[in-house]
Amino acid sequence: METKLKSKIKASGLKQSFIAENAKISKSALSLIVNGKSLPTLTAAIRIARVLDETVENLWGDLVE
């Protein structure tokens, strides 16, 4: 199943390596997050969202119910 983050990354056309570098997290950490195998820290989530010009709520809000 594709995560919302994965679909947003595809739609943005950005490479995961670019997102990881600009979010100041490792490529492997981003890969785990994108594939739904790990949840980001709040800081990492905010940084990822900023790189994608999204909100944390839009990317992960469905997990908080």
PDB file of N, CA and C in Angstrom:
ATOM      1  N   MET A   1       0.843  -1.183   0.000  1.00  0.00           N
ATOM      2  CA  MET A   1       0.000   0.000   0.000  1.00  0.00           C
ATOM      3  C   MET A   1       0.887   1.244   0.000  1.00  0.00           C
ATOM      4  N   GLU A   2       0.551   2.178  -0.837  1.00  0.00           N
ATOM      5  CA  GLU A   2       1.343   3.397  -0.950  1.00  0.00           C
ATOM      6  C   GLU A   2       0.959   4.377   0.154  1.00  0.00           C
ATOM      7  N   THR A   3       1.958   4.935   0.803  1.00  0.00           N
ATOM      8  CA  THR A   3       1.690   5.920   1.849  1.00  0.00           C
ATOM      9  C   THR A   3       1.389   7.271   1.210  1.00  0.00           C
ATOM     10  N   LYS A   4       0.735   8.136   1.981  1.00  0.00           N
ATOM     11  CA  LYS A   4       0.429   9.475   1.482  1.00  0.00           C
ATOM     12  C   LYS A   4       1.728  10.218   1.166  1.00  0.00           C
ATOM     13  N   LEU A   5       2.743  10.014   1.994  1.00  0.00           N
ATOM     14  CA  LEU A   5       4.023  10.676   1.768  1.00  0.00           C
ATOM     15  C   LEU A   5       4.630  10.234   0.438  1.00  0.00           C
ATOM     16  N   LYS A   6       4.577   8.945   0.164  1.00  0.00           N
ATOM     17  CA  LYS A   6       5.136   8.429  -1.085  1.00  0.00           C
ATOM     18  C   LYS A   6       4.439   9.056  -2.291  1.00  0.00           C
ATOM     19  N   SER A   7       3.123   9.155  -2.242  1.00  0.00           N
ATOM     20  CA  SER A   7       2.400   9.744  -3.378  1.00  0.00           C
ATOM     21  C   SER A   7       2.698  11.233  -3.518  1.00  0.00           C
ATOM     22  N   LYS A   8       2.888  11.935  -2.400  1.00  0.00           N
ATOM     23  CA  LYS A   8       3.232  13.365  -2.460  1.00  0.00           C
ATOM     24  C   LYS A   8       4.622  13.555  -3.062  1.00  0.00           C
ATOM     25  N   ILE A   9       5.552  12.668  -2.714  1.00  0.00           N
ATOM     26  CA  ILE A   9       6.901  12.753  -3.270  1.00  0.00           C
ATOM     27  C   ILE A   9       6.858  12.512  -4.773  1.00  0.00           C
ATOM     28  N   LYS A  10       6.109  11.504  -5.198  1.00  0.00           N
ATOM     29  CA  LYS A  10       5.972  11.232  -6.637  1.00  0.00           C
ATOM     30  C   LYS A  10       5.400  12.445  -7.360  1.00  0.00           C
ATOM     31  N   ALA A  11       4.363  13.023  -6.779  1.00  0.00           N
ATOM     32  CA  ALA A  11       3.705  14.175  -7.406  1.00  0.00           C
ATOM     33  C   ALA A  11       4.629  15.391  -7.470  1.00  0.00           C
ATOM     34  N   SER A  12       5.508  15.528  -6.481  1.00  0.00           N
ATOM     35  CA  SER A  12       6.402  16.687  -6.449  1.00  0.00           C
ATOM     36  C   SER A  12       7.514  16.590  -7.482  1.00  0.00           C
ATOM     37  N   GLY A  13       7.862  15.369  -7.869  1.00  0.00           N
ATOM     38  CA  GLY A  13       8.957  15.175  -8.814  1.00  0.00           C
ATOM     39  C   GLY A  13      10.337  15.291  -8.179  1.00  0.00           C
ATOM     40  N   LEU A  14      10.381  15.448  -6.855  1.00  0.00           N
ATOM     41  CA  LEU A  14      11.655  15.560  -6.154  1.00  0.00           C
ATOM     42  C   LEU A  14      12.232  14.179  -5.863  1.00  0.00           C
ATOM     43  N   LYS A  15      13.523  14.095  -5.832  1.00  0.00           N
ATOM     44  CA  LYS A  15      14.197  12.836  -5.487  1.00  0.00           C
ATOM     45  C   LYS A  15      14.259  12.713  -3.966  1.00  0.00           C
ATOM     46  N   GLN A  16      14.187  11.466  -3.492  1.00  0.00           N
ATOM     47  CA  GLN A  16      14.262  11.236  -2.051  1.00  0.00           C
ATOM     48  C   GLN A  16      15.581  11.725  -1.475  1.00  0.00           C
ATOM     49  N   SER A  17      16.654  11.614  -2.235  1.00  0.00           N
ATOM     50  CA  SER A  17      17.950  12.075  -1.738  1.00  0.00           C
ATOM     51  C   SER A  17      17.930  13.590  -1.514  1.00  0.00           C
ATOM     52  N   PHE A  18      17.266  14.327  -2.388  1.00  0.00           N
ATOM     53  CA  PHE A  18      17.144  15.778  -2.230  1.00  0.00           C
ATOM     54  C   PHE A  18      16.321  16.114  -0.986  1.00  0.00           C
ATOM     55  N   ILE A  19      15.217  15.401  -0.818  1.00  0.00           N
ATOM     56  CA  ILE A  19      14.350  15.637   0.342  1.00  0.00           C
ATOM     57  C   ILE A  19      15.091  15.325   1.632  1.00  0.00           C
ATOM     58  N   ALA A  20      15.782  14.189   1.671  1.00  0.00           N
ATOM     59  CA  ALA A  20      16.529  13.801   2.874  1.00  0.00           C
ATOM     60  C   ALA A  20      17.591  14.837   3.214  1.00  0.00           C
ATOM     61  N   GLU A  21      18.330  15.268   2.211  1.00  0.00           N
ATOM     62  CA  GLU A  21      19.389  16.249   2.448  1.00  0.00           C
ATOM     63  C   GLU A  21      18.819  17.553   2.994  1.00  0.00           C
ATOM     64  N   ASN A  22      17.743  18.024   2.390  1.00  0.00           N
ATOM     65  CA  ASN A  22      17.159  19.296   2.815  1.00  0.00           C
ATOM     66  C   ASN A  22      16.388  19.196   4.130  1.00  0.00           C
ATOM     67  N   ALA A  23      15.927  18.000   4.456  1.00  0.00           N
ATOM     68  CA  ALA A  23      15.245  17.791   5.734  1.00  0.00           C
ATOM     69  C   ALA A  23      16.238  17.422   6.837  1.00  0.00           C
ATOM     70  N   LYS A  24      17.501  17.289   6.457  1.00  0.00           N
ATOM     71  CA  LYS A  24      18.575  16.975   7.401  1.00  0.00           C
ATOM     72  C   LYS A  24      18.361  15.631   8.104  1.00  0.00           C
ATOM     73  N   ILE A  25      17.937  14.632   7.305  1.00  0.00           N
ATOM     74  CA  ILE A  25      17.834  13.264   7.807  1.00  0.00           C
ATOM     75  C   ILE A  25      18.543  12.343   6.822  1.00  0.00           C
ATOM     76  N   SER A  26      18.849  11.145   7.247  1.00  0.00           N
ATOM     77  CA  SER A  26      19.547  10.223   6.349  1.00  0.00           C
ATOM     78  C   SER A  26      18.592   9.692   5.283  1.00  0.00           C
ATOM     79  N   LYS A  27      19.177   9.269   4.173  1.00  0.00           N
ATOM     80  CA  LYS A  27      18.374   8.691   3.093  1.00  0.00           C
ATOM     81  C   LYS A  27      17.674   7.424   3.572  1.00  0.00           C
ATOM     82  N   SER A  28      18.372   6.635   4.381  1.00  0.00           N
ATOM     83  CA  SER A  28      17.767   5.391   4.870  1.00  0.00           C
ATOM     84  C   SER A  28      16.600   5.681   5.812  1.00  0.00           C
ATOM     85  N   ALA A  29      16.728   6.700   6.653  1.00  0.00           N
ATOM     86  CA  ALA A  29      15.624   7.069   7.545  1.00  0.00           C
ATOM     87  C   ALA A  29      14.417   7.527   6.732  1.00  0.00           C
ATOM     88  N   LEU A  30      14.657   8.336   5.707  1.00  0.00           N
ATOM     89  CA  LEU A  30      13.560   8.799   4.864  1.00  0.00           C
ATOM     90  C   LEU A  30      12.905   7.617   4.149  1.00  0.00           C
ATOM     91  N   SER A  31      13.699   6.695   3.675  1.00  0.00           N
ATOM     92  CA  SER A  31      13.158   5.519   2.992  1.00  0.00           C
ATOM     93  C   SER A  31      12.226   4.728   3.903  1.00  0.00           C
ATOM     94  N   LEU A  32      12.633   4.529   5.152  1.00  0.00           N
ATOM     95  CA  LEU A  32      11.783   3.815   6.111  1.00  0.00           C
ATOM     96  C   LEU A  32      10.475   4.566   6.346  1.00  0.00           C
ATOM     97  N   ILE A  33      10.556   5.884   6.441  1.00  0.00           N
ATOM     98  CA  ILE A  33       9.368   6.713   6.665  1.00  0.00           C
ATOM     99  C   ILE A  33       8.444   6.646   5.447  1.00  0.00           C
ATOM    100  N   VAL A  34       9.011   6.797   4.262  1.00  0.00           N
ATOM    101  CA  VAL A  34       8.233   6.780   3.022  1.00  0.00           C
ATOM    102  C   VAL A  34       7.522   5.446   2.834  1.00  0.00           C
ATOM    103  N   ASN A  35       8.182   4.366   3.195  1.00  0.00           N
ATOM    104  CA  ASN A  35       7.605   3.038   3.017  1.00  0.00           C
ATOM    105  C   ASN A  35       6.715   2.598   4.184  1.00  0.00           C
ATOM    106  N   GLY A  36       6.473   3.506   5.119  1.00  0.00           N
ATOM    107  CA  GLY A  36       5.563   3.218   6.221  1.00  0.00           C
ATOM    108  C   GLY A  36       6.110   2.281   7.265  1.00  0.00           C
ATOM    109  N   LYS A  37       7.428   2.096   7.297  1.00  0.00           N
ATOM    110  CA  LYS A  37       8.040   1.191   8.265  1.00  0.00           C
ATOM    111  C   LYS A  37       8.513   1.909   9.519  1.00  0.00           C
ATOM    112  N   SER A  38       8.434   3.237   9.502  1.00  0.00           N
ATOM    113  CA  SER A  38       8.872   4.042  10.637  1.00  0.00           C
ATOM    114  C   SER A  38       8.101   5.354  10.613  1.00  0.00           C
ATOM    115  N   LEU A  39       7.893   5.910  11.792  1.00  0.00           N
ATOM    116  CA  LEU A  39       7.303   7.238  11.880  1.00  0.00           C
ATOM    117  C   LEU A  39       8.407   8.239  12.181  1.00  0.00           C
ATOM    118  N   PRO A  40       8.324   9.422  11.590  1.00  0.00           N
ATOM    119  CA  PRO A  40       9.360  10.425  11.833  1.00  0.00           C
ATOM    120  C   PRO A  40       9.190  11.072  13.207  1.00  0.00           C
ATOM    121  N   THR A  41      10.276  11.621  13.703  1.00  0.00           N
ATOM    122  CA  THR A  41      10.163  12.473  14.884  1.00  0.00           C
ATOM    123  C   THR A  41       9.397  13.722  14.456  1.00  0.00           C
ATOM    124  N   LEU A  42       8.920  14.482  15.398  1.00  0.00           N
ATOM    125  CA  LEU A  42       8.192  15.708  15.071  1.00  0.00           C
ATOM    126  C   LEU A  42       9.078  16.649  14.258  1.00  0.00           C
ATOM    127  N   THR A  43      10.323  16.785  14.666  1.00  0.00           N
ATOM    128  CA  THR A  43      11.252  17.664  13.950  1.00  0.00           C
ATOM    129  C   THR A  43      11.442  17.208  12.516  1.00  0.00           C
ATOM    130  N   ALA A  44      11.657  15.916  12.317  1.00  0.00           N
ATOM    131  CA  ALA A  44      11.848  15.385  10.969  1.00  0.00           C
ATOM    132  C   ALA A  44      10.580  15.558  10.140  1.00  0.00           C
ATOM    133  N   ALA A  45       9.426  15.327  10.733  1.00  0.00           N
ATOM    134  CA  ALA A  45       8.158  15.481  10.017  1.00  0.00           C
ATOM    135  C   ALA A  45       7.967  16.914   9.537  1.00  0.00           C
ATOM    136  N   ILE A  46       8.280  17.867  10.396  1.00  0.00           N
ATOM    137  CA  ILE A  46       8.165  19.278  10.024  1.00  0.00           C
ATOM    138  C   ILE A  46       9.124  19.602   8.885  1.00  0.00           C
ATOM    139  N   ARG A  47      10.350  19.129   8.976  1.00  0.00           N
ATOM    140  CA  ARG A  47      11.329  19.402   7.923  1.00  0.00           C
ATOM    141  C   ARG A  47      10.927  18.777   6.595  1.00  0.00           C
ATOM    142  N   ILE A  48      10.453  17.534   6.633  1.00  0.00           N
ATOM    143  CA  ILE A  48      10.006  16.863   5.407  1.00  0.00           C
ATOM    144  C   ILE A  48       8.838  17.638   4.797  1.00  0.00           C
ATOM    145  N   ALA A  49       7.882  17.994   5.624  1.00  0.00           N
ATOM    146  CA  ALA A  49       6.714  18.740   5.140  1.00  0.00           C
ATOM    147  C   ALA A  49       7.134  20.068   4.501  1.00  0.00           C
ATOM    148  N   ARG A  50       8.066  20.753   5.111  1.00  0.00           N
ATOM    149  CA  ARG A  50       8.533  22.032   4.552  1.00  0.00           C
ATOM    150  C   ARG A  50       9.184  21.848   3.190  1.00  0.00           C
ATOM    151  N   VAL A  51       9.998  20.810   3.046  1.00  0.00           N
ATOM    152  CA  VAL A  51      10.645  20.545   1.759  1.00  0.00           C
ATOM    153  C   VAL A  51       9.591  20.291   0.682  1.00  0.00           C
ATOM    154  N   LEU A  52       8.513  19.598   1.059  1.00  0.00           N
ATOM    155  CA  LEU A  52       7.456  19.276   0.106  1.00  0.00           C
ATOM    156  C   LEU A  52       6.392  20.365  -0.005  1.00  0.00           C
ATOM    157  N   ASP A  53       6.556  21.450   0.731  1.00  0.00           N
ATOM    158  CA  ASP A  53       5.588  22.550   0.763  1.00  0.00           C
ATOM    159  C   ASP A  53       4.203  22.022   1.157  1.00  0.00           C
ATOM    160  N   GLU A  54       4.195  21.199   2.181  1.00  0.00           N
ATOM    161  CA  GLU A  54       2.981  20.591   2.719  1.00  0.00           C
ATOM    162  C   GLU A  54       2.925  20.879   4.212  1.00  0.00           C
ATOM    163  N   THR A  55       1.845  20.429   4.846  1.00  0.00           N
ATOM    164  CA  THR A  55       1.752  20.502   6.299  1.00  0.00           C
ATOM    165  C   THR A  55       1.933  19.103   6.878  1.00  0.00           C
ATOM    166  N   VAL A  56       2.362  19.047   8.103  1.00  0.00           N
ATOM    167  CA  VAL A  56       2.489  17.768   8.792  1.00  0.00           C
ATOM    168  C   VAL A  56       1.116  17.102   8.869  1.00  0.00           C
ATOM    169  N   GLU A  57       0.100  17.881   9.140  1.00  0.00           N
ATOM    170  CA  GLU A  57      -1.256  17.348   9.245  1.00  0.00           C
ATOM    171  C   GLU A  57      -1.700  16.705   7.934  1.00  0.00           C
ATOM    172  N   ASN A  58      -1.353  17.318   6.827  1.00  0.00           N
ATOM    173  CA  ASN A  58      -1.745  16.780   5.533  1.00  0.00           C
ATOM    174  C   ASN A  58      -1.019  15.465   5.240  1.00  0.00           C
ATOM    175  N   LEU A  59       0.222  15.347   5.662  1.00  0.00           N
ATOM    176  CA  LEU A  59       1.001  14.147   5.389  1.00  0.00           C
ATOM    177  C   LEU A  59       0.711  13.005   6.364  1.00  0.00           C
ATOM    178  N   TRP A  60       0.507  13.322   7.637  1.00  0.00           N
ATOM    179  CA  TRP A  60       0.343  12.269   8.647  1.00  0.00           C
ATOM    180  C   TRP A  60      -0.915  12.419   9.508  1.00  0.00           C
ATOM    181  N   GLY A  61      -1.762  13.368   9.215  1.00  0.00           N
ATOM    182  CA  GLY A  61      -2.933  13.630  10.049  1.00  0.00           C
ATOM    183  C   GLY A  61      -3.882  12.469  10.205  1.00  0.00           C
ATOM    184  N   ASP A  62      -3.942  11.597   9.205  1.00  0.00           N
ATOM    185  CA  ASP A  62      -4.858  10.461   9.299  1.00  0.00           C
ATOM    186  C   ASP A  62      -4.409   9.439  10.345  1.00  0.00           C
ATOM    187  N   LEU A  63      -3.183   9.558  10.810  1.00  0.00           N
ATOM    188  CA  LEU A  63      -2.666   8.644  11.843  1.00  0.00           C
ATOM    189  C   LEU A  63      -3.094   9.069  13.245  1.00  0.00           C
ATOM    190  N   VAL A  64      -3.612  10.298  13.378  1.00  0.00           N
ATOM    191  CA  VAL A  64      -3.996  10.837  14.684  1.00  0.00           C
ATOM    192  C   VAL A  64      -5.511  10.923  14.745  1.00  0.00           C
ATOM    193  N   GLU A  65      -6.119   9.840  15.115  1.00  0.00           N
ATOM    194  CA  GLU A  65      -7.598   9.806  15.208  1.00  0.00           C
ATOM    195  C   GLU A  65      -7.999   9.302  16.548  1.00  0.00           C
TER     196      GLU A  65
END
